[in-house]
Amino acid sequence: MRNFLVRLVTLLLVVSALRLPAQVPHHLFFRVTLSPHMSAPASGRILIFLAPGSGDKSIDESPFRPTSVFIAAKEVPILHPGDSLDVDTDSLAFPDGFSSLKPGDYQAQAVLDVDHTYNYLGRAPGDLISPVVPLPAFDPVRSQEPALTLDSVVPPNPAPANLPATFQQDVHEEDMQSQALTAFFGRPIHLRAWVVLPPKYAPQAKTRYPTVYWTHGFGGNLERSERTAGLVDNLMQTGKMPPMIWVFLDESCPTGTHEFADSLNNGPWGHALTAEFIPWLEQRYLMDARPSGRFLQGHSSGGWATLQLQVNYPQIFGGTWSTSPDPSDFHDFTGVDLYAPHANAYHRPDGTPYPLVRDHDKVLGTFQQFAETERVLGSYGGQLASFEWVFSPRGADGRPMQMFDRITGDVHPEVVAYWRDHYDLAHVVTSTWKERGPQLKGKIHVIVGTADTFYLDGAAHRFEAVLQSLQAGASFTYIANRTHFDLYKTQEESGKQDNWGLLTQISMQMYAVARPGNHWKSAE
């Protein structure tokens, strides 16, 4: 009996061995060292970028070339000067594990994202970087483990060049601690902005000015808005824009953009702006503190922010001019119908991928590629995660619930239902038109290119149809063949191209609403 059991166990072990994979999958590791010359330990997220060729001074990912650079990542709790760690470039990588690379000439660079802001800002001041290391005739299976050394720090951003001479006089940085946001987070939270004053502004005068509240798109912040503030200052000083006060709002936050929406996750930003910051500013400046003198303007995520502010606070603002706004009707969320049965963010019902980034008729990247890249770069701060921090209910883990499964692309209907009731602007306007309609009529202006880079013209058409059915008096303009990035260009009578001509046109339309009968004319 004992011999029988021994033979049986031996047979089972042999069968089990036969069922094992013939070869354990190969994993490629890169060794990253914090230079011993660094003065302090560091932590963050190690990002390794690898691209074909040689001679580049820097290697970065791009949503417009999503598969041109391989990316791998690993969280680093702490790394002391002189210490090294091995990064498995097959564990968390895009577009595939590095072991899948064919032998050839490559180059690699490491970045330590110390504040976990790469998903939003890219390389930021304080991040640690290695030189670009050439990997000639590199074979992922046979070559030695590549070594990268973090030996330099990304310097502070330089001050914007060519600011107008009047910038210091006309542009003021304002900072106010919000009671509502501070109570929500349990720590001091501030609202910040550039305030640009018109020519001949005199604090003791009686003249009050229409005010424009502008906010940036995804990837922007107060520092990056400084140049636009200087542009507007110059346009008013040279008589190309009417005299108004412009407030350049900062809508950036650690999770992306809060878009001045009241959110379960990001806090009551809409309330803080309208009930705290705007009254505070109106006490400090000669602002026309009436709805007919308060306007909204923004592009992309800033376009959606200004749309929702107008929809949710119609009694406060006299109109929004929102350009290329993020989706305002979730039947077309950059092409995906979130309400369709068995909706999937990655694939259409026929299995073809949903495109997300285009250059006119050429598809540059898909929704899935965008989502998978964002997942490698970090769990928050990216565009898709940013939507969830604004729109989603809070999950049991304290984080916003994901609208779609990052592996399969399957849309979660229970999350989308919450999105619809609170942030689908077409649905919100329809369901509240009886109460809001009288104060919203004629106040919504949307401008978008027919070749928008992120397919945002589709949702605009749907939102327009809804507003038309409500007889809302909204204005929608579709500029032929314009993308997300050249929408503001216009042609002057002289034939010269004006990169910000659309902004000048918008400002004149706002001024005409605020000062009817005052036929202000541009200096040109």
Protein backbone atom coordinates (compact mmCIF):
# COMPACT_ATOMS: atom_id res chain seq x y z
CA MET A 1 0.00 0.00 0.00
CA ARG A 2 2.78 2.39 0.93
CA ASN A 3 4.61 1.71 -2.36
CA PHE A 4 1.38 2.38 -4.22
CA LEU A 5 0.95 5.77 -2.54
CA VAL A 6 4.56 6.71 -3.31
CA ARG A 7 4.06 5.82 -6.98
CA LEU A 8 0.76 7.77 -7.06
CA VAL A 9 2.34 10.90 -5.58
CA THR A 10 5.26 10.64 -7.99
CA LEU A 11 2.83 10.34 -10.94
CA LEU A 12 0.86 13.39 -9.80
CA LEU A 13 4.05 15.44 -9.49
CA VAL A 14 5.09 14.45 -13.02
CA VAL A 15 1.65 15.38 -14.42
CA SER A 16 1.75 18.73 -12.59
CA ALA A 17 5.19 19.45 -13.97
CA LEU A 18 3.98 18.73 -17.50
CA ARG A 19 1.18 21.26 -17.03
CA LEU A 20 3.58 24.07 -16.03
CA PRO A 21 4.45 26.61 -18.74
CA ALA A 22 7.41 25.54 -20.79
CA GLN A 23 9.15 28.82 -19.98
CA VAL A 24 8.67 31.41 -17.24
CA PRO A 25 7.87 34.78 -18.88
CA HIS A 26 10.95 36.99 -19.05
CA HIS A 27 10.81 40.26 -17.13
CA LEU A 28 13.11 43.13 -18.00
CA PHE A 29 14.42 45.26 -15.14
CA PHE A 30 16.02 48.70 -15.23
CA ARG A 31 18.21 49.84 -12.33
CA VAL A 32 17.58 53.42 -11.17
CA THR A 33 20.03 55.12 -8.78
CA LEU A 34 19.66 58.39 -6.92
CA SER A 35 22.96 60.14 -7.43
CA PRO A 36 25.12 60.21 -4.28
CA HIS A 37 25.62 63.93 -4.98
CA MET A 38 21.95 64.66 -4.23
CA SER A 39 21.53 66.44 -0.91
CA ALA A 40 18.44 64.64 0.43
CA PRO A 41 16.34 61.48 0.10
CA ALA A 42 13.50 61.50 -2.40
CA SER A 43 10.22 59.70 -2.99
CA GLY A 44 7.53 59.66 -5.64
CA ARG A 45 6.78 57.71 -8.79
CA ILE A 46 9.61 56.48 -10.99
CA LEU A 47 8.77 56.81 -14.69
CA ILE A 48 11.04 55.22 -17.28
CA PHE A 49 10.68 56.40 -20.87
CA LEU A 50 12.16 54.36 -23.71
CA ALA A 51 12.13 55.21 -27.42
CA PRO A 52 13.83 53.95 -30.59
CA GLY A 53 16.87 55.78 -31.93
CA SER A 54 19.52 57.90 -30.26
CA GLY A 55 20.61 61.45 -29.66
CA ASP A 56 17.49 62.93 -28.08
CA LYS A 57 17.99 65.33 -25.19
CA SER A 58 14.71 64.35 -23.56
CA ILE A 59 12.15 61.54 -23.91
CA ASP A 60 8.50 62.13 -23.04
CA GLU A 61 5.13 60.63 -23.74
CA SER A 62 2.67 62.41 -26.02
CA PRO A 63 -1.08 61.81 -26.46
CA PHE A 64 -0.57 62.67 -30.13
CA ARG A 65 1.93 59.80 -30.55
CA PRO A 66 0.67 57.38 -27.91
CA THR A 67 2.68 54.32 -28.94
CA SER A 68 5.93 56.03 -29.96
CA VAL A 69 7.38 55.89 -26.43
CA PHE A 70 7.30 52.95 -24.01
CA ILE A 71 6.61 53.90 -20.37
CA ALA A 72 7.07 51.91 -17.17
CA ALA A 73 6.37 53.01 -13.60
CA LYS A 74 6.95 52.13 -9.97
CA GLU A 75 6.09 53.86 -6.69
CA VAL A 76 9.11 54.71 -4.52
CA PRO A 77 8.47 55.25 -0.77
CA ILE A 78 12.01 56.57 -0.20
CA LEU A 79 15.32 56.57 -2.00
CA HIS A 80 18.48 57.80 -0.28
CA PRO A 81 21.40 59.37 -2.17
CA GLY A 82 23.51 56.56 -3.58
CA ASP A 83 20.70 53.98 -3.26
CA SER A 84 19.39 51.99 -6.21
CA LEU A 85 16.23 50.09 -6.98
CA ASP A 86 15.17 47.72 -9.74
CA VAL A 87 12.12 48.64 -11.79
CA ASP A 88 10.21 45.81 -13.45
CA THR A 89 9.39 47.34 -16.83
CA ASP A 90 6.88 44.59 -17.59
CA SER A 91 4.76 44.95 -14.45
CA LEU A 92 3.17 48.37 -15.08
CA ALA A 93 3.90 49.55 -18.59
CA PHE A 94 2.44 51.02 -21.79
CA PRO A 95 1.92 50.24 -24.63
CA ASP A 96 3.37 46.87 -23.59
CA GLY A 97 6.01 45.42 -21.32
CA PHE A 98 9.54 46.35 -22.35
CA SER A 99 10.36 42.67 -22.91
CA SER A 100 8.17 42.78 -26.00
CA LEU A 101 10.59 45.13 -27.75
CA LYS A 102 12.47 43.83 -30.75
CA PRO A 103 16.26 44.06 -30.60
CA GLY A 104 17.56 47.37 -31.89
CA ASP A 105 18.93 50.80 -30.98
CA TYR A 106 17.06 52.50 -28.16
CA GLN A 107 17.44 55.33 -25.67
CA ALA A 108 16.01 55.65 -22.17
CA GLN A 109 15.46 58.26 -19.48
CA ALA A 110 14.15 58.12 -15.91
CA VAL A 111 12.02 60.74 -14.13
CA LEU A 112 11.13 60.74 -10.45
CA ASP A 113 7.75 62.48 -10.24
CA VAL A 114 8.15 63.73 -6.68
CA ASP A 115 4.72 65.38 -6.29
CA HIS A 116 2.73 62.94 -8.47
CA THR A 117 1.87 65.77 -10.86
CA TYR A 118 3.22 64.35 -14.12
CA ASN A 119 -0.27 63.27 -15.21
CA TYR A 120 -1.35 66.92 -15.06
CA LEU A 121 1.70 69.12 -15.58
CA GLY A 122 4.26 66.80 -17.16
CA ARG A 123 7.77 67.35 -15.82
CA ALA A 124 7.50 69.96 -13.09
CA PRO A 125 10.01 71.95 -11.04
CA GLY A 126 11.55 69.72 -8.37
CA ASP A 127 11.25 66.47 -10.33
CA LEU A 128 14.46 64.46 -10.59
CA ILE A 129 15.69 63.30 -13.97
CA SER A 130 18.46 61.20 -15.46
CA PRO A 131 20.36 61.87 -18.66
CA VAL A 132 19.12 60.17 -21.79
CA VAL A 133 21.10 56.93 -21.93
CA PRO A 134 21.75 55.30 -25.33
CA LEU A 135 21.12 51.56 -25.57
CA PRO A 136 22.76 50.52 -28.87
CA ALA A 137 21.95 47.05 -30.22
CA PHE A 138 19.75 46.48 -27.19
CA ASP A 139 18.19 43.03 -26.79
CA PRO A 140 15.56 42.83 -24.03
CA VAL A 141 16.39 39.16 -23.42
CA ARG A 142 20.18 39.07 -23.65
CA SER A 143 21.45 42.56 -22.83
CA GLN A 144 22.56 43.51 -19.33
CA GLU A 145 20.23 45.41 -17.02
CA PRO A 146 20.25 49.08 -18.13
CA ALA A 147 21.27 51.61 -15.48
CA LEU A 148 19.88 55.14 -15.11
CA THR A 149 21.03 57.72 -12.54
CA LEU A 150 18.83 60.56 -11.27
CA ASP A 151 21.40 63.33 -11.14
CA SER A 152 19.60 66.61 -11.89
CA VAL A 153 16.54 68.56 -10.78
CA VAL A 154 13.97 70.24 -13.02
CA PRO A 155 14.51 73.98 -12.39
CA PRO A 156 11.78 76.52 -11.61
CA ASN A 157 9.85 77.76 -14.62
CA PRO A 158 11.21 81.01 -16.03
CA ALA A 159 9.04 84.09 -15.87
CA PRO A 160 7.01 84.65 -19.06
CA ALA A 161 8.85 86.74 -21.63
CA ASN A 162 7.52 89.80 -23.43
CA LEU A 163 4.96 90.81 -20.83
CA PRO A 164 3.67 94.35 -21.48
CA ALA A 165 5.34 97.22 -19.69
CA THR A 166 2.07 97.91 -17.87
CA PHE A 167 1.83 94.37 -16.46
CA GLN A 168 3.03 95.18 -12.94
CA GLN A 169 0.67 98.13 -12.75
CA ASP A 170 -2.45 96.56 -14.26
CA VAL A 171 -2.25 92.92 -13.16
CA HIS A 172 -2.74 91.95 -9.52
CA GLU A 173 -2.49 88.50 -7.92
CA GLU A 174 -5.35 87.85 -5.50
CA ASP A 175 -5.56 85.11 -2.89
CA MET A 176 -8.46 84.44 -0.53
CA GLN A 177 -8.95 81.60 1.94
CA SER A 178 -12.34 79.96 1.48
CA GLN A 179 -14.35 79.17 4.59
CA ALA A 180 -16.46 76.57 2.77
CA LEU A 181 -13.51 74.72 1.24
CA THR A 182 -11.47 74.94 4.42
CA ALA A 183 -14.34 73.37 6.34
CA PHE A 184 -14.68 70.62 3.71
CA PHE A 185 -10.99 69.64 3.73
CA GLY A 186 -10.16 70.47 7.33
CA ARG A 187 -7.16 72.58 6.26
CA PRO A 188 -6.75 76.02 4.66
CA ILE A 189 -7.84 76.08 1.01
CA HIS A 190 -7.44 79.21 -1.11
CA LEU A 191 -8.94 80.65 -4.29
CA ARG A 192 -6.40 82.46 -6.44
CA ALA A 193 -6.58 84.63 -9.53
CA TRP A 194 -4.93 87.28 -11.65
CA VAL A 195 -7.04 90.46 -11.83
CA VAL A 196 -6.35 92.53 -14.96
CA LEU A 197 -7.49 96.15 -14.79
CA PRO A 198 -8.46 98.25 -17.83
CA PRO A 199 -6.62 101.39 -18.97
CA LYS A 200 -7.22 104.56 -16.92
CA TYR A 201 -8.57 102.51 -14.01
CA ALA A 202 -8.70 104.80 -10.97
CA PRO A 203 -9.59 103.28 -7.58
CA GLN A 204 -11.25 106.51 -6.39
CA ALA A 205 -13.36 106.97 -9.52
CA LYS A 206 -17.05 106.19 -9.82
CA THR A 207 -16.74 104.27 -13.09
CA ARG A 208 -17.49 100.57 -12.73
CA TYR A 209 -16.48 97.96 -15.25
CA PRO A 210 -17.99 94.78 -16.64
CA THR A 211 -16.03 91.78 -15.37
CA VAL A 212 -15.03 88.59 -17.16
CA TYR A 213 -14.28 85.45 -15.13
CA TRP A 214 -11.94 83.31 -17.24
CA THR A 215 -10.53 79.90 -16.46
CA HIS A 216 -7.95 77.68 -18.10
CA GLY A 217 -8.20 74.17 -19.47
CA PHE A 218 -6.69 70.88 -18.32
CA GLY A 219 -2.98 71.23 -17.58
CA GLY A 220 -3.25 74.91 -16.70
CA ASN A 221 -2.75 76.73 -13.42
CA LEU A 222 -2.28 80.26 -12.15
CA GLU A 223 1.36 80.38 -13.21
CA ARG A 224 0.58 79.19 -16.73
CA SER A 225 -2.25 81.77 -17.02
CA GLU A 226 0.11 84.68 -16.43
CA ARG A 227 0.97 84.98 -20.10
CA THR A 228 -2.71 85.14 -21.11
CA ALA A 229 -3.33 87.77 -18.45
CA GLY A 230 -0.49 89.81 -19.97
CA LEU A 231 -1.96 89.35 -23.45
CA VAL A 232 -5.34 90.72 -22.37
CA ASP A 233 -3.65 93.62 -20.61
CA ASN A 234 -1.82 94.47 -23.82
CA LEU A 235 -4.95 94.16 -25.98
CA MET A 236 -6.85 96.57 -23.76
CA GLN A 237 -3.92 99.00 -23.52
CA THR A 238 -3.62 99.10 -27.32
CA GLY A 239 -7.35 99.63 -27.80
CA LYS A 240 -8.04 96.26 -29.42
CA MET A 241 -10.35 95.11 -26.63
CA PRO A 242 -12.98 97.09 -24.71
CA PRO A 243 -12.23 98.26 -21.16
CA MET A 244 -13.27 95.53 -18.74
CA ILE A 245 -11.88 93.80 -15.67
CA TRP A 246 -10.65 90.28 -16.34
CA VAL A 247 -10.29 87.74 -13.54
CA PHE A 248 -8.08 84.78 -14.50
CA LEU A 249 -9.15 81.99 -12.15
CA ASP A 250 -7.07 78.99 -11.15
CA GLU A 251 -9.08 75.76 -11.36
CA SER A 252 -6.18 73.35 -10.88
CA CYS A 253 -6.01 70.99 -7.91
CA PRO A 254 -4.03 67.84 -7.00
CA THR A 255 -6.65 65.63 -8.68
CA GLY A 256 -6.71 67.57 -11.97
CA THR A 257 -9.19 70.40 -12.49
CA HIS A 258 -12.06 70.97 -10.07
CA GLU A 259 -13.85 73.04 -12.75
CA PHE A 260 -15.55 75.18 -10.10
CA ALA A 261 -18.15 72.46 -9.68
CA ASP A 262 -19.70 71.50 -6.36
CA SER A 263 -18.41 67.95 -5.92
CA LEU A 264 -18.59 65.19 -3.32
CA ASN A 265 -14.87 64.57 -3.82
CA ASN A 266 -13.31 67.95 -4.61
CA GLY A 267 -15.54 70.10 -2.42
CA PRO A 268 -17.91 73.06 -2.97
CA TRP A 269 -15.88 75.05 -5.48
CA GLY A 270 -18.90 76.57 -7.22
CA HIS A 271 -20.29 77.82 -3.92
CA ALA A 272 -16.87 79.13 -2.85
CA LEU A 273 -16.49 81.10 -6.09
CA THR A 274 -19.97 82.61 -6.24
CA ALA A 275 -20.69 83.15 -2.53
CA GLU A 276 -17.20 84.01 -1.28
CA PHE A 277 -14.60 84.96 -3.87
CA ILE A 278 -16.69 87.07 -6.24
CA PRO A 279 -18.25 89.19 -3.43
CA TRP A 280 -14.77 89.57 -1.91
CA LEU A 281 -13.34 90.80 -5.24
CA GLU A 282 -16.27 93.14 -5.82
CA GLN A 283 -15.47 94.86 -2.55
CA ARG A 284 -11.87 95.40 -3.63
CA TYR A 285 -12.35 96.53 -7.23
CA LEU A 286 -14.71 98.76 -9.23
CA MET A 287 -16.63 95.85 -10.68
CA ASP A 288 -20.11 96.07 -12.15
CA ALA A 289 -21.67 93.84 -9.50
CA ARG A 290 -24.79 92.95 -11.49
CA PRO A 291 -25.60 89.84 -13.53
CA SER A 292 -25.52 91.96 -16.69
CA GLY A 293 -21.94 92.90 -15.83
CA ARG A 294 -20.54 89.45 -14.94
CA PHE A 295 -19.42 87.17 -17.73
CA LEU A 296 -17.72 83.79 -18.08
CA GLN A 297 -15.16 82.60 -20.59
CA GLY A 298 -13.00 79.49 -20.82
CA HIS A 299 -11.63 76.87 -23.17
CA SER A 300 -11.75 73.05 -23.04
CA SER A 301 -12.14 72.00 -19.39
CA GLY A 302 -12.42 75.71 -18.70
CA GLY A 303 -15.16 75.80 -21.32
CA TRP A 304 -17.12 73.14 -19.45
CA ALA A 305 -16.46 74.91 -16.15
CA THR A 306 -17.92 78.17 -17.43
CA LEU A 307 -20.88 76.36 -19.01
CA GLN A 308 -21.79 74.64 -15.76
CA LEU A 309 -21.35 77.85 -13.76
CA GLN A 310 -23.79 79.62 -16.07
CA VAL A 311 -26.26 76.72 -15.88
CA ASN A 312 -26.04 76.32 -12.11
CA TYR A 313 -25.81 80.01 -11.19
CA PRO A 314 -27.91 81.78 -13.86
CA GLN A 315 -28.92 84.50 -11.41
CA ILE A 316 -25.28 85.54 -10.93
CA PHE A 317 -23.81 85.58 -14.43
CA GLY A 318 -24.96 87.45 -17.53
CA GLY A 319 -23.59 85.01 -20.07
CA THR A 320 -20.90 82.49 -20.89
CA TRP A 321 -18.77 82.27 -24.01
CA SER A 322 -17.44 78.72 -23.73
CA THR A 323 -15.05 77.44 -26.37
CA SER A 324 -14.45 73.75 -27.16
CA PRO A 325 -16.05 72.67 -23.87
CA ASP A 326 -15.65 69.17 -22.50
CA PRO A 327 -18.77 67.02 -23.10
CA SER A 328 -22.01 68.77 -22.14
CA ASP A 329 -24.23 65.84 -23.17
CA PHE A 330 -23.08 62.39 -22.07
CA HIS A 331 -24.80 60.71 -24.99
CA ASP A 332 -21.59 61.77 -26.73
CA PHE A 333 -18.70 61.61 -24.28
CA THR A 334 -15.94 62.19 -26.88
CA GLY A 335 -17.84 59.77 -29.09
CA VAL A 336 -18.98 57.25 -26.46
CA ASP A 337 -22.69 57.05 -25.56
CA LEU A 338 -22.44 56.47 -21.82
CA TYR A 339 -26.15 55.60 -21.66
CA ALA A 340 -26.11 52.84 -24.28
CA PRO A 341 -26.87 49.29 -23.07
CA HIS A 342 -23.62 47.51 -22.19
CA ALA A 343 -21.68 50.68 -23.00
CA ASN A 344 -17.92 50.31 -23.31
CA ALA A 345 -15.45 53.20 -23.37
CA TYR A 346 -12.88 51.27 -25.40
CA HIS A 347 -14.82 49.48 -28.12
CA ARG A 348 -17.93 50.04 -30.21
CA PRO A 349 -20.49 47.22 -30.38
CA ASP A 350 -18.74 45.94 -33.52
CA GLY A 351 -15.41 45.74 -31.67
CA THR A 352 -13.69 48.68 -33.35
CA PRO A 353 -11.88 51.09 -31.00
CA TYR A 354 -13.26 54.48 -30.09
CA PRO A 355 -10.88 57.20 -31.29
CA LEU A 356 -10.10 60.01 -28.86
CA VAL A 357 -7.38 62.14 -30.46
CA ARG A 358 -7.31 63.18 -34.11
CA ASP A 359 -5.63 65.52 -36.52
CA HIS A 360 -8.55 66.36 -38.81
CA ASP A 361 -9.29 63.04 -40.56
CA LYS A 362 -6.32 61.16 -39.13
CA VAL A 363 -6.83 59.23 -35.88
CA LEU A 364 -3.84 59.72 -33.58
CA GLY A 365 -4.95 57.82 -30.49
CA THR A 366 -7.79 55.82 -29.01
CA PHE A 367 -9.73 56.13 -25.77
CA GLN A 368 -8.11 52.91 -24.53
CA GLN A 369 -4.58 54.08 -25.29
CA PHE A 370 -5.27 57.35 -23.47
CA ALA A 371 -6.66 55.54 -20.42
CA GLU A 372 -3.85 52.98 -20.26
CA THR A 373 -1.18 55.66 -20.53
CA GLU A 374 -2.82 57.63 -17.73
CA ARG A 375 -2.92 54.49 -15.55
CA VAL A 376 0.85 54.04 -15.86
CA LEU A 377 1.61 57.71 -15.20
CA GLY A 378 -0.36 57.72 -11.96
CA SER A 379 -3.69 56.97 -10.33
CA TYR A 380 -4.82 60.59 -10.12
CA GLY A 381 -4.24 63.92 -11.82
CA GLY A 382 -4.94 62.62 -15.34
CA GLN A 383 -7.81 63.84 -17.49
CA LEU A 384 -10.04 60.77 -17.15
CA ALA A 385 -9.46 60.44 -13.41
CA SER A 386 -10.06 64.19 -13.10
CA PHE A 387 -13.56 63.74 -14.54
CA GLU A 388 -14.26 61.12 -11.88
CA TRP A 389 -13.02 63.35 -9.06
CA VAL A 390 -15.50 65.98 -10.21
CA PHE A 391 -18.46 63.86 -11.36
CA SER A 392 -18.49 60.59 -9.43
CA PRO A 393 -20.03 59.54 -6.12
CA ARG A 394 -17.54 58.59 -3.42
CA GLY A 395 -16.73 54.92 -3.04
CA ALA A 396 -16.31 52.86 0.13
CA ASP A 397 -12.53 53.44 -0.05
CA GLY A 398 -13.02 57.20 0.10
CA ARG A 399 -12.04 57.70 -3.55
CA PRO A 400 -14.38 58.58 -6.43
CA MET A 401 -16.01 55.59 -8.09
CA GLN A 402 -14.63 54.85 -11.54
CA MET A 403 -16.98 55.52 -14.42
CA PHE A 404 -15.48 52.67 -16.42
CA ASP A 405 -13.32 49.60 -15.81
CA ARG A 406 -9.72 50.45 -16.71
CA ILE A 407 -8.98 46.89 -17.88
CA THR A 408 -12.09 46.02 -19.92
CA GLY A 409 -13.48 49.48 -20.69
CA ASP A 410 -16.95 48.48 -19.44
CA VAL A 411 -18.99 51.50 -18.33
CA HIS A 412 -20.54 51.31 -14.85
CA PRO A 413 -24.23 52.30 -15.22
CA GLU A 414 -24.73 53.14 -11.53
CA VAL A 415 -21.90 55.69 -11.69
CA VAL A 416 -23.14 57.12 -14.98
CA ALA A 417 -26.59 57.58 -13.43
CA TYR A 418 -25.02 59.87 -10.82
CA TRP A 419 -23.07 61.71 -13.53
CA ARG A 420 -26.30 62.27 -15.48
CA ASP A 421 -28.29 63.69 -12.59
CA HIS A 422 -25.60 66.13 -11.48
CA TYR A 423 -23.22 66.95 -14.35
CA ASP A 424 -24.78 66.11 -17.73
CA LEU A 425 -25.58 69.72 -18.58
CA ALA A 426 -28.13 68.80 -21.25
CA HIS A 427 -30.01 66.71 -18.69
CA VAL A 428 -29.64 69.30 -15.90
CA VAL A 429 -30.98 72.10 -18.10
CA THR A 430 -33.91 69.99 -19.29
CA SER A 431 -34.90 68.82 -15.81
CA THR A 432 -34.64 72.30 -14.25
CA TRP A 433 -35.79 74.48 -17.14
CA LYS A 434 -38.99 75.55 -15.41
CA GLU A 435 -36.99 77.15 -12.61
CA ARG A 436 -33.85 78.25 -14.47
CA GLY A 437 -35.13 78.89 -17.96
CA PRO A 438 -36.15 82.55 -17.54
CA GLN A 439 -32.67 83.42 -16.22
CA LEU A 440 -30.78 81.31 -18.77
CA LYS A 441 -32.37 82.50 -22.00
CA GLY A 442 -29.87 84.05 -24.36
CA LYS A 443 -26.91 83.56 -22.01
CA ILE A 444 -25.26 80.44 -23.45
CA HIS A 445 -22.70 80.87 -26.26
CA VAL A 446 -20.62 77.89 -27.43
CA ILE A 447 -17.89 77.96 -30.07
CA VAL A 448 -16.12 74.82 -31.30
CA GLY A 449 -14.20 73.66 -34.36
CA THR A 450 -15.66 71.08 -36.72
CA ALA A 451 -12.33 69.24 -36.54
CA ASP A 452 -11.94 69.44 -32.76
CA THR A 453 -8.94 67.37 -31.74
CA PHE A 454 -10.92 65.51 -29.05
CA TYR A 455 -14.23 65.17 -30.93
CA LEU A 456 -15.94 67.73 -28.68
CA ASP A 457 -18.08 69.09 -31.51
CA GLY A 458 -20.32 66.00 -31.23
CA ALA A 459 -21.54 66.78 -27.71
CA ALA A 460 -21.96 70.47 -28.65
CA HIS A 461 -24.39 69.52 -31.43
CA ARG A 462 -26.43 67.43 -28.99
CA PHE A 463 -26.50 70.19 -26.37
CA GLU A 464 -27.54 72.69 -29.03
CA ALA A 465 -30.48 70.47 -30.05
CA VAL A 466 -31.64 70.28 -26.43
CA LEU A 467 -31.45 74.05 -25.98
CA GLN A 468 -33.25 74.62 -29.26
CA SER A 469 -36.10 72.38 -28.10
CA LEU A 470 -36.34 74.55 -24.97
CA GLN A 471 -36.21 77.77 -27.02
CA ALA A 472 -33.29 78.87 -24.87
CA GLY A 473 -31.96 81.47 -27.30
CA ALA A 474 -28.51 79.89 -27.16
CA SER A 475 -25.79 80.60 -29.72
CA PHE A 476 -23.65 77.78 -31.12
CA THR A 477 -20.90 78.48 -33.65
CA TYR A 478 -18.98 75.76 -35.49
CA ILE A 479 -15.81 77.04 -37.14
CA ALA A 480 -15.01 74.97 -40.21
CA ASN A 481 -11.90 72.79 -40.10
CA ARG A 482 -10.64 74.28 -36.83
CA THR A 483 -9.16 72.06 -34.12
CA HIS A 484 -8.90 72.32 -30.35
CA PHE A 485 -5.69 74.32 -30.69
CA ASP A 486 -6.23 76.81 -33.51
CA LEU A 487 -9.81 77.84 -32.74
CA TYR A 488 -8.90 81.39 -31.71
CA LYS A 489 -7.06 82.30 -34.91
CA THR A 490 -8.70 84.86 -37.18
CA GLN A 491 -7.71 86.66 -40.34
CA GLU A 492 -7.35 90.43 -40.19
CA GLU A 493 -8.41 92.67 -43.06
CA SER A 494 -4.74 93.18 -43.88
CA GLY A 495 -4.40 89.42 -44.37
CA LYS A 496 -2.32 89.02 -41.24
CA GLN A 497 -3.22 86.17 -38.92
CA ASP A 498 -4.32 87.05 -35.39
CA ASN A 499 -3.77 84.11 -33.06
CA TRP A 500 -6.18 85.55 -30.47
CA GLY A 501 -8.71 87.23 -32.75
CA LEU A 502 -11.62 85.17 -31.46
CA LEU A 503 -10.97 86.37 -27.91
CA THR A 504 -11.21 89.97 -29.12
CA GLN A 505 -14.52 89.22 -30.84
CA ILE A 506 -15.88 87.57 -27.69
CA SER A 507 -14.88 90.54 -25.54
CA MET A 508 -16.76 92.93 -27.83
CA GLN A 509 -19.88 90.75 -27.68
CA MET A 510 -19.72 90.76 -23.88
CA TYR A 511 -19.28 94.52 -23.77
CA ALA A 512 -22.29 95.00 -26.03
CA VAL A 513 -24.42 93.05 -23.53
CA ALA A 514 -23.08 94.99 -20.54
CA ARG A 515 -23.25 98.40 -22.22
CA PRO A 516 -26.06 98.34 -24.80
CA GLY A 517 -25.98 101.37 -26.99
CA ASN A 518 -22.30 102.04 -26.30
CA HIS A 519 -20.77 101.41 -29.70
CA TRP A 520 -17.19 100.73 -28.69
CA LYS A 521 -14.87 100.16 -31.63
CA SER A 522 -11.50 98.47 -31.79
CA ALA A 523 -8.43 100.56 -32.59
CA GLU A 524 -7.97 98.46 -35.73
